[in-house]
Amino acid sequence: MVVDTAIYTVHTGLSALWVGSVLFVASAVLPLAMDGDIRPAAFGRVVSKLRWVTRISALLLFLTGGHLAGTLYDPASLTGTTGGYLVLTMLAFWFGLAAVVEIGSARAARGVENDKIREPAREARPFYYAGVLFSIGLLVVAGLLGTPATIL
């Protein structure tokens, strides 16, 4: 029980860090970069940090989420209950978020290496905005997973 609580806490904390980082970059940093109000090197550092937060969070969320799914669900309940479907939906959003952040960051970093800022930010924008949608989806699904089973 203590181990599951600790793993759940780590899982929730990493989720908050990752989703918050994506939302911050997309809503606060990206507009500055598209307007040219931030130096390319500073934008590059933010993009690099977001990549590392994504990679570390994705790995640890996979491990902690896998543990939680393994202890709370069996194959039948994972594919035959509302909670199981929500877990699988969350996994799909997780993969999507990791993919779009990596793609967006790669596009941004390519231009920043050439000391450009506006065009790399514009190329990364659709991917970071997709990341915002995946992040919101993750938060909604997490909220649904936290509701009592009688409501679902």
C-alpha atoms as a PDB file:
ATOM      1  CA  MET A   1       0.000   0.000   0.000  1.00  0.00           C
ATOM      2  CA  VAL A   2       2.798   2.465   0.886  1.00  0.00           C
ATOM      3  CA  VAL A   3       4.677   1.586  -2.301  1.00  0.00           C
ATOM      4  CA  ASP A   4       1.573   2.136  -4.429  1.00  0.00           C
ATOM      5  CA  THR A   5       0.943   5.488  -2.721  1.00  0.00           C
ATOM      6  CA  ALA A   6       4.530   6.585  -3.329  1.00  0.00           C
ATOM      7  CA  ILE A   7       4.381   5.495  -6.966  1.00  0.00           C
ATOM      8  CA  TYR A   8       1.045   7.259  -7.442  1.00  0.00           C
ATOM      9  CA  THR A   9       2.510  10.439  -5.911  1.00  0.00           C
ATOM     10  CA  VAL A  10       5.580  10.323  -8.168  1.00  0.00           C
ATOM     11  CA  HIS A  11       3.335   9.619 -11.168  1.00  0.00           C
ATOM     12  CA  THR A  12       1.076  12.571 -10.374  1.00  0.00           C
ATOM     13  CA  GLY A  13       3.977  14.937  -9.686  1.00  0.00           C
ATOM     14  CA  LEU A  14       5.760  14.081 -12.922  1.00  0.00           C
ATOM     15  CA  SER A  15       2.521  14.469 -14.835  1.00  0.00           C
ATOM     16  CA  ALA A  16       2.019  17.934 -13.385  1.00  0.00           C
ATOM     17  CA  LEU A  17       5.609  18.921 -14.206  1.00  0.00           C
ATOM     18  CA  TRP A  18       5.364  17.686 -17.799  1.00  0.00           C
ATOM     19  CA  VAL A  19       1.942  19.137 -18.576  1.00  0.00           C
ATOM     20  CA  GLY A  20       2.824  22.414 -16.872  1.00  0.00           C
ATOM     21  CA  SER A  21       6.061  22.679 -18.839  1.00  0.00           C
ATOM     22  CA  VAL A  22       4.293  22.142 -22.154  1.00  0.00           C
ATOM     23  CA  LEU A  23       1.581  24.659 -21.304  1.00  0.00           C
ATOM     24  CA  PHE A  24       4.162  27.223 -20.153  1.00  0.00           C
ATOM     25  CA  VAL A  25       6.293  26.928 -23.285  1.00  0.00           C
ATOM     26  CA  ALA A  26       3.284  27.045 -25.616  1.00  0.00           C
ATOM     27  CA  SER A  27       1.539  29.939 -23.891  1.00  0.00           C
ATOM     28  CA  ALA A  28       4.386  32.108 -22.566  1.00  0.00           C
ATOM     29  CA  VAL A  29       7.649  31.356 -24.368  1.00  0.00           C
ATOM     30  CA  LEU A  30       6.489  30.507 -27.893  1.00  0.00           C
ATOM     31  CA  PRO A  31       4.666  33.835 -28.474  1.00  0.00           C
ATOM     32  CA  LEU A  32       7.798  35.720 -27.397  1.00  0.00           C
ATOM     33  CA  ALA A  33       9.889  33.692 -29.821  1.00  0.00           C
ATOM     34  CA  MET A  34       7.455  34.241 -32.699  1.00  0.00           C
ATOM     35  CA  ASP A  35       7.630  37.993 -32.073  1.00  0.00           C
ATOM     36  CA  GLY A  36      11.414  37.907 -31.807  1.00  0.00           C
ATOM     37  CA  ASP A  37      11.291  39.205 -28.218  1.00  0.00           C
ATOM     38  CA  ILE A  38      13.585  36.501 -26.873  1.00  0.00           C
ATOM     39  CA  ARG A  39      17.128  35.663 -27.900  1.00  0.00           C
ATOM     40  CA  PRO A  40      17.627  32.488 -29.943  1.00  0.00           C
ATOM     41  CA  ALA A  41      20.019  31.079 -27.330  1.00  0.00           C
ATOM     42  CA  ALA A  42      17.467  31.579 -24.538  1.00  0.00           C
ATOM     43  CA  PHE A  43      14.713  29.980 -26.621  1.00  0.00           C
ATOM     44  CA  GLY A  44      17.071  27.116 -27.408  1.00  0.00           C
ATOM     45  CA  ARG A  45      17.698  26.545 -23.689  1.00  0.00           C
ATOM     46  CA  VAL A  46      13.972  26.482 -22.971  1.00  0.00           C
ATOM     47  CA  VAL A  47      13.389  24.023 -25.820  1.00  0.00           C
ATOM     48  CA  SER A  48      16.257  21.846 -24.618  1.00  0.00           C
ATOM     49  CA  LYS A  49      14.904  21.802 -21.051  1.00  0.00           C
ATOM     50  CA  LEU A  50      11.425  20.932 -22.343  1.00  0.00           C
ATOM     51  CA  ARG A  51      12.904  18.032 -24.300  1.00  0.00           C
ATOM     52  CA  TRP A  52      14.636  16.692 -21.201  1.00  0.00           C
ATOM     53  CA  VAL A  53      11.533  17.133 -19.047  1.00  0.00           C
ATOM     54  CA  THR A  54       9.588  15.266 -21.730  1.00  0.00           C
ATOM     55  CA  ARG A  55      12.067  12.426 -22.042  1.00  0.00           C
ATOM     56  CA  ILE A  56      12.555  11.885 -18.319  1.00  0.00           C
ATOM     57  CA  SER A  57       8.868  12.298 -17.523  1.00  0.00           C
ATOM     58  CA  ALA A  58       7.796  10.012 -20.352  1.00  0.00           C
ATOM     59  CA  LEU A  59      10.125   7.262 -19.177  1.00  0.00           C
ATOM     60  CA  LEU A  60       9.234   7.537 -15.497  1.00  0.00           C
ATOM     61  CA  LEU A  61       5.517   7.923 -16.237  1.00  0.00           C
ATOM     62  CA  PHE A  62       5.665   4.785 -18.354  1.00  0.00           C
ATOM     63  CA  LEU A  63       7.276   2.882 -15.475  1.00  0.00           C
ATOM     64  CA  THR A  64       5.054   4.237 -12.707  1.00  0.00           C
ATOM     65  CA  GLY A  65       1.905   4.079 -14.830  1.00  0.00           C
ATOM     66  CA  GLY A  66       2.758   0.537 -15.865  1.00  0.00           C
ATOM     67  CA  HIS A  67       3.090  -0.431 -12.213  1.00  0.00           C
ATOM     68  CA  LEU A  68      -0.215   1.208 -11.329  1.00  0.00           C
ATOM     69  CA  ALA A  69      -2.022  -0.372 -14.276  1.00  0.00           C
ATOM     70  CA  GLY A  70      -0.519  -3.752 -13.425  1.00  0.00           C
ATOM     71  CA  THR A  71      -1.704  -3.585  -9.833  1.00  0.00           C
ATOM     72  CA  LEU A  72      -5.143  -2.104 -10.517  1.00  0.00           C
ATOM     73  CA  TYR A  73      -6.141  -3.885 -13.734  1.00  0.00           C
ATOM     74  CA  ASP A  74      -5.913  -7.271 -15.358  1.00  0.00           C
ATOM     75  CA  PRO A  75      -6.141  -7.700 -19.150  1.00  0.00           C
ATOM     76  CA  ALA A  76      -9.897  -8.245 -19.029  1.00  0.00           C
ATOM     77  CA  SER A  77     -10.639  -5.133 -16.959  1.00  0.00           C
ATOM     78  CA  LEU A  78      -8.177  -3.037 -18.971  1.00  0.00           C
ATOM     79  CA  THR A  79     -10.107  -3.752 -22.159  1.00  0.00           C
ATOM     80  CA  GLY A  80     -13.577  -4.264 -20.731  1.00  0.00           C
ATOM     81  CA  THR A  81     -14.284  -1.517 -18.216  1.00  0.00           C
ATOM     82  CA  THR A  82     -14.658   2.243 -18.342  1.00  0.00           C
ATOM     83  CA  GLY A  83     -11.608   2.677 -16.102  1.00  0.00           C
ATOM     84  CA  GLY A  84      -9.569   0.426 -18.362  1.00  0.00           C
ATOM     85  CA  TYR A  85     -10.600   2.367 -21.445  1.00  0.00           C
ATOM     86  CA  LEU A  86      -9.629   5.587 -19.702  1.00  0.00           C
ATOM     87  CA  VAL A  87      -6.186   4.151 -18.883  1.00  0.00           C
ATOM     88  CA  LEU A  88      -5.714   3.161 -22.537  1.00  0.00           C
ATOM     89  CA  THR A  89      -6.894   6.615 -23.633  1.00  0.00           C
ATOM     90  CA  MET A  90      -4.392   8.173 -21.262  1.00  0.00           C
ATOM     91  CA  LEU A  91      -1.650   6.003 -22.751  1.00  0.00           C
ATOM     92  CA  ALA A  92      -2.578   7.202 -26.255  1.00  0.00           C
ATOM     93  CA  PHE A  93      -2.484  10.849 -25.123  1.00  0.00           C
ATOM     94  CA  TRP A  94       0.860  10.166 -23.407  1.00  0.00           C
ATOM     95  CA  PHE A  95       2.372   8.800 -26.637  1.00  0.00           C
ATOM     96  CA  GLY A  96       0.904  11.699 -28.612  1.00  0.00           C
ATOM     97  CA  LEU A  97       2.246  14.313 -26.220  1.00  0.00           C
ATOM     98  CA  ALA A  98       5.727  12.817 -26.221  1.00  0.00           C
ATOM     99  CA  ALA A  99       5.743  12.666 -30.030  1.00  0.00           C
ATOM    100  CA  VAL A 100       4.553  16.210 -30.715  1.00  0.00           C
ATOM    101  CA  VAL A 101       6.879  17.765 -28.131  1.00  0.00           C
ATOM    102  CA  GLU A 102       9.851  15.905 -29.608  1.00  0.00           C
ATOM    103  CA  ILE A 103       8.932  16.911 -33.176  1.00  0.00           C
ATOM    104  CA  GLY A 104       8.224  20.528 -32.225  1.00  0.00           C
ATOM    105  CA  SER A 105      11.424  20.777 -30.226  1.00  0.00           C
ATOM    106  CA  ALA A 106      13.470  19.323 -33.080  1.00  0.00           C
ATOM    107  CA  ARG A 107      12.041  21.903 -35.480  1.00  0.00           C
ATOM    108  CA  ALA A 108      12.683  24.733 -33.062  1.00  0.00           C
ATOM    109  CA  ALA A 109      16.223  23.592 -32.271  1.00  0.00           C
ATOM    110  CA  ARG A 110      17.171  23.299 -35.940  1.00  0.00           C
ATOM    111  CA  GLY A 111      16.536  26.975 -36.547  1.00  0.00           C
ATOM    112  CA  VAL A 112      17.958  28.145 -33.247  1.00  0.00           C
ATOM    113  CA  GLU A 113      21.272  26.493 -34.148  1.00  0.00           C
ATOM    114  CA  ASN A 114      21.381  28.900 -37.093  1.00  0.00           C
ATOM    115  CA  ASP A 115      20.692  31.885 -34.807  1.00  0.00           C
ATOM    116  CA  LYS A 116      17.128  32.282 -36.066  1.00  0.00           C
ATOM    117  CA  ILE A 117      14.106  32.652 -33.821  1.00  0.00           C
ATOM    118  CA  ARG A 118      10.853  33.617 -35.549  1.00  0.00           C
ATOM    119  CA  GLU A 119      10.730  30.941 -38.242  1.00  0.00           C
ATOM    120  CA  PRO A 120      11.761  28.046 -35.945  1.00  0.00           C
ATOM    121  CA  ALA A 121       9.111  29.138 -33.448  1.00  0.00           C
ATOM    122  CA  ARG A 122       6.486  29.227 -36.194  1.00  0.00           C
ATOM    123  CA  GLU A 123       7.522  25.773 -37.398  1.00  0.00           C
ATOM    124  CA  ALA A 124       7.272  24.396 -33.863  1.00  0.00           C
ATOM    125  CA  ARG A 125       3.954  26.138 -33.100  1.00  0.00           C
ATOM    126  CA  PRO A 126       1.515  23.518 -34.487  1.00  0.00           C
ATOM    127  CA  PHE A 127       3.303  20.756 -32.609  1.00  0.00           C
ATOM    128  CA  TYR A 128       3.385  22.639 -29.322  1.00  0.00           C
ATOM    129  CA  TYR A 129      -0.282  23.568 -29.731  1.00  0.00           C
ATOM    130  CA  ALA A 130      -1.076  19.900 -30.375  1.00  0.00           C
ATOM    131  CA  GLY A 131       0.853  19.241 -27.168  1.00  0.00           C
ATOM    132  CA  VAL A 132      -1.498  21.621 -25.373  1.00  0.00           C
ATOM    133  CA  LEU A 133      -4.487  19.630 -26.656  1.00  0.00           C
ATOM    134  CA  PHE A 134      -2.906  16.331 -25.592  1.00  0.00           C
ATOM    135  CA  SER A 135      -2.099  17.866 -22.198  1.00  0.00           C
ATOM    136  CA  ILE A 136      -5.686  18.979 -21.702  1.00  0.00           C
ATOM    137  CA  GLY A 137      -6.846  15.525 -22.753  1.00  0.00           C
ATOM    138  CA  LEU A 138      -4.533  13.955 -20.192  1.00  0.00           C
ATOM    139  CA  LEU A 139      -5.881  16.211 -17.445  1.00  0.00           C
ATOM    140  CA  VAL A 140      -9.494  15.440 -18.346  1.00  0.00           C
ATOM    141  CA  VAL A 141      -8.865  11.689 -18.423  1.00  0.00           C
ATOM    142  CA  ALA A 142      -6.959  11.855 -15.130  1.00  0.00           C
ATOM    143  CA  GLY A 143      -9.909  13.676 -13.604  1.00  0.00           C
ATOM    144  CA  LEU A 144     -12.304  11.030 -14.891  1.00  0.00           C
ATOM    145  CA  LEU A 145     -10.085   8.264 -13.526  1.00  0.00           C
ATOM    146  CA  GLY A 146     -10.210   9.947 -10.131  1.00  0.00           C
ATOM    147  CA  THR A 147     -14.005   9.990  -9.932  1.00  0.00           C
ATOM    148  CA  PRO A 148     -15.872   7.298  -8.035  1.00  0.00           C
ATOM    149  CA  ALA A 149     -16.781   4.291 -10.163  1.00  0.00           C
ATOM    150  CA  THR A 150     -20.490   4.852  -9.515  1.00  0.00           C
ATOM    151  CA  ILE A 151     -20.389   8.111 -11.483  1.00  0.00           C
ATOM    152  CA  LEU A 152     -18.820   6.521 -14.562  1.00  0.00           C
END
